[in-house]
Amino acid sequence: MLYKKAFGANFNLGFNLGDFPQLHDKSYHNDVCPSFWFMKNGQYFVLWVDFENPDDRESDSKRYTITTAENFGEDDYPEIGLSDESKNLFDTNEYQELILNLNQTFKNEIN
């Protein structure tokens, strides 16, 4: 898992990543926190999971943020990132709210 390599084996996501196979780890050590991309209805999104302790965060952002994203690669080899048009769609500090949002987002999807 990239996020563990980039942010440490003990980084706590606050949820079980295995429950959401639609999330693809795109974490990179130069980012401020782990990130995971997913696609819904042809649109790409990124879930950012910041540090559990707000004092460890580089900004005053919430722990969980979902933004719109863009594929700068190809369908077979996606390179998902933010563009100038990317927007925050969801943010919360509560993992329960994140789980509800992800369950709603992936509702009726076949894994």
C-alpha atoms as a PDB file:
ATOM      1  CA  MET A   1       0.000   0.000   0.000  1.00  0.00           C
ATOM      2  CA  LEU A   2       1.523   3.252  -1.142  1.00  0.00           C
ATOM      3  CA  TYR A   3       0.109   5.311   1.714  1.00  0.00           C
ATOM      4  CA  LYS A   4       1.887   3.150   4.310  1.00  0.00           C
ATOM      5  CA  LYS A   5       5.179   3.461   2.460  1.00  0.00           C
ATOM      6  CA  ALA A   6       4.815   7.239   2.090  1.00  0.00           C
ATOM      7  CA  PHE A   7       3.276   8.085   5.484  1.00  0.00           C
ATOM      8  CA  GLY A   8       4.290   5.214   7.740  1.00  0.00           C
ATOM      9  CA  ALA A   9       2.953   1.767   8.533  1.00  0.00           C
ATOM     10  CA  ASN A  10       1.018   3.136  11.512  1.00  0.00           C
ATOM     11  CA  PHE A  11      -0.902   5.821   9.585  1.00  0.00           C
ATOM     12  CA  ASN A  12      -4.551   5.430  10.660  1.00  0.00           C
ATOM     13  CA  LEU A  13      -7.057   6.003   7.864  1.00  0.00           C
ATOM     14  CA  GLY A  14      -9.950   5.747  10.310  1.00  0.00           C
ATOM     15  CA  PHE A  15     -11.751   3.234   8.087  1.00  0.00           C
ATOM     16  CA  ASN A  16     -11.069  -0.140   6.508  1.00  0.00           C
ATOM     17  CA  LEU A  17      -9.700   0.479   3.019  1.00  0.00           C
ATOM     18  CA  GLY A  18     -10.632  -3.093   2.068  1.00  0.00           C
ATOM     19  CA  ASP A  19     -14.319  -2.173   2.441  1.00  0.00           C
ATOM     20  CA  PHE A  20     -13.980   0.163  -0.561  1.00  0.00           C
ATOM     21  CA  PRO A  21     -12.226  -1.603  -3.447  1.00  0.00           C
ATOM     22  CA  GLN A  22     -13.201   1.331  -5.684  1.00  0.00           C
ATOM     23  CA  LEU A  23     -10.529   3.449  -3.943  1.00  0.00           C
ATOM     24  CA  HIS A  24      -7.128   3.315  -5.658  1.00  0.00           C
ATOM     25  CA  ASP A  25      -4.150   4.395  -3.580  1.00  0.00           C
ATOM     26  CA  LYS A  26      -2.298   7.272  -5.258  1.00  0.00           C
ATOM     27  CA  SER A  27      -0.371   8.445  -2.214  1.00  0.00           C
ATOM     28  CA  TYR A  28       2.970  10.098  -2.791  1.00  0.00           C
ATOM     29  CA  HIS A  29       5.558  11.118  -0.203  1.00  0.00           C
ATOM     30  CA  ASN A  30       5.640  14.740  -1.395  1.00  0.00           C
ATOM     31  CA  ASP A  31       1.889  15.162  -0.793  1.00  0.00           C
ATOM     32  CA  VAL A  32       0.700  16.426   2.594  1.00  0.00           C
ATOM     33  CA  CYS A  33      -1.384  13.297   3.252  1.00  0.00           C
ATOM     34  CA  PRO A  34      -2.511   9.994   1.707  1.00  0.00           C
ATOM     35  CA  SER A  35      -4.889  10.130  -1.239  1.00  0.00           C
ATOM     36  CA  PHE A  36      -7.079   7.687  -3.124  1.00  0.00           C
ATOM     37  CA  TRP A  37      -8.741   8.151  -6.504  1.00  0.00           C
ATOM     38  CA  PHE A  38     -12.022   6.747  -7.741  1.00  0.00           C
ATOM     39  CA  MET A  39     -14.316   7.196 -10.703  1.00  0.00           C
ATOM     40  CA  LYS A  40     -18.080   7.629 -10.715  1.00  0.00           C
ATOM     41  CA  ASN A  41     -20.187   8.210 -13.834  1.00  0.00           C
ATOM     42  CA  GLY A  42     -17.113   9.010 -15.927  1.00  0.00           C
ATOM     43  CA  GLN A  43     -15.826  11.651 -13.470  1.00  0.00           C
ATOM     44  CA  TYR A  44     -12.645  11.243 -11.422  1.00  0.00           C
ATOM     45  CA  PHE A  45     -12.402  12.143  -7.753  1.00  0.00           C
ATOM     46  CA  VAL A  46      -9.717  12.111  -5.073  1.00  0.00           C
ATOM     47  CA  LEU A  47     -10.253  11.322  -1.407  1.00  0.00           C
ATOM     48  CA  TRP A  48      -7.619  12.980   0.782  1.00  0.00           C
ATOM     49  CA  VAL A  49      -7.130  11.478   4.261  1.00  0.00           C
ATOM     50  CA  ASP A  50      -5.257  13.860   6.511  1.00  0.00           C
ATOM     51  CA  PHE A  51      -3.618  13.091   9.828  1.00  0.00           C
ATOM     52  CA  GLU A  52      -5.846  12.097  12.725  1.00  0.00           C
ATOM     53  CA  ASN A  53      -4.387  14.749  15.021  1.00  0.00           C
ATOM     54  CA  PRO A  54      -5.109  18.258  13.677  1.00  0.00           C
ATOM     55  CA  ASP A  55      -1.744  19.447  15.073  1.00  0.00           C
ATOM     56  CA  ASP A  56      -0.007  17.097  12.604  1.00  0.00           C
ATOM     57  CA  ARG A  57      -1.769  18.596   9.563  1.00  0.00           C
ATOM     58  CA  GLU A  58      -0.036  21.146   7.352  1.00  0.00           C
ATOM     59  CA  SER A  59      -3.231  23.150   6.880  1.00  0.00           C
ATOM     60  CA  ASP A  60      -6.515  23.740   8.672  1.00  0.00           C
ATOM     61  CA  SER A  61      -8.313  21.322   6.359  1.00  0.00           C
ATOM     62  CA  LYS A  62     -10.691  18.671   7.609  1.00  0.00           C
ATOM     63  CA  ARG A  63      -9.442  15.120   7.994  1.00  0.00           C
ATOM     64  CA  TYR A  64     -11.387  13.797   4.979  1.00  0.00           C
ATOM     65  CA  THR A  65     -11.826  15.758   1.755  1.00  0.00           C
ATOM     66  CA  ILE A  66     -13.201  14.646  -1.613  1.00  0.00           C
ATOM     67  CA  THR A  67     -12.287  16.747  -4.644  1.00  0.00           C
ATOM     68  CA  THR A  68     -12.998  16.543  -8.335  1.00  0.00           C
ATOM     69  CA  ALA A  69      -9.993  15.389 -10.352  1.00  0.00           C
ATOM     70  CA  GLU A  70      -8.777  14.750 -13.853  1.00  0.00           C
ATOM     71  CA  ASN A  71      -7.008  11.889 -15.616  1.00  0.00           C
ATOM     72  CA  PHE A  72      -3.808  13.246 -17.134  1.00  0.00           C
ATOM     73  CA  GLY A  73      -2.874   9.778 -18.384  1.00  0.00           C
ATOM     74  CA  GLU A  74      -4.755   7.224 -20.431  1.00  0.00           C
ATOM     75  CA  ASP A  75      -7.658   4.973 -19.490  1.00  0.00           C
ATOM     76  CA  ASP A  76      -5.368   1.938 -19.201  1.00  0.00           C
ATOM     77  CA  TYR A  77      -2.707   3.887 -17.271  1.00  0.00           C
ATOM     78  CA  PRO A  78      -4.486   6.631 -15.340  1.00  0.00           C
ATOM     79  CA  GLU A  79      -2.589   9.515 -13.779  1.00  0.00           C
ATOM     80  CA  ILE A  80      -5.190  11.118 -11.574  1.00  0.00           C
ATOM     81  CA  GLY A  81      -4.538  14.599 -10.254  1.00  0.00           C
ATOM     82  CA  LEU A  82      -6.057  17.953  -9.494  1.00  0.00           C
ATOM     83  CA  SER A  83      -6.521  20.614 -12.103  1.00  0.00           C
ATOM     84  CA  ASP A  84      -7.193  24.338 -11.874  1.00  0.00           C
ATOM     85  CA  GLU A  85     -10.903  23.493 -12.110  1.00  0.00           C
ATOM     86  CA  SER A  86     -10.860  20.960  -9.235  1.00  0.00           C
ATOM     87  CA  LYS A  87     -13.355  21.656  -6.484  1.00  0.00           C
ATOM     88  CA  ASN A  88     -13.881  20.367  -2.968  1.00  0.00           C
ATOM     89  CA  LEU A  89     -17.165  18.465  -2.863  1.00  0.00           C
ATOM     90  CA  PHE A  90     -17.119  17.028   0.651  1.00  0.00           C
ATOM     91  CA  ASP A  91     -15.136  17.483   3.829  1.00  0.00           C
ATOM     92  CA  THR A  92     -15.485  16.282   7.384  1.00  0.00           C
ATOM     93  CA  ASN A  93     -13.472  15.319  10.431  1.00  0.00           C
ATOM     94  CA  GLU A  94     -15.826  12.442  11.232  1.00  0.00           C
ATOM     95  CA  TYR A  95     -15.088   9.010   9.777  1.00  0.00           C
ATOM     96  CA  GLN A  96     -18.761   8.045  10.168  1.00  0.00           C
ATOM     97  CA  GLU A  97     -19.770  10.842   7.779  1.00  0.00           C
ATOM     98  CA  LEU A  98     -17.104   9.708   5.318  1.00  0.00           C
ATOM     99  CA  ILE A  99     -18.368   6.112   5.449  1.00  0.00           C
ATOM    100  CA  LEU A 100     -21.950   7.276   4.804  1.00  0.00           C
ATOM    101  CA  ASN A 101     -20.762   9.383   1.869  1.00  0.00           C
ATOM    102  CA  LEU A 102     -18.716   6.546   0.345  1.00  0.00           C
ATOM    103  CA  ASN A 103     -21.520   4.028   0.829  1.00  0.00           C
ATOM    104  CA  GLN A 104     -23.924   6.395  -0.929  1.00  0.00           C
ATOM    105  CA  THR A 105     -21.403   7.115  -3.697  1.00  0.00           C
ATOM    106  CA  PHE A 106     -20.741   3.441  -4.402  1.00  0.00           C
ATOM    107  CA  LYS A 107     -24.316   2.259  -3.834  1.00  0.00           C
ATOM    108  CA  ASN A 108     -25.504  -0.212  -6.491  1.00  0.00           C
ATOM    109  CA  GLU A 109     -22.001  -0.663  -7.915  1.00  0.00           C
ATOM    110  CA  ILE A 110     -20.762  -4.127  -8.749  1.00  0.00           C
ATOM    111  CA  ASN A 111     -17.237  -4.702  -7.444  1.00  0.00           C
END
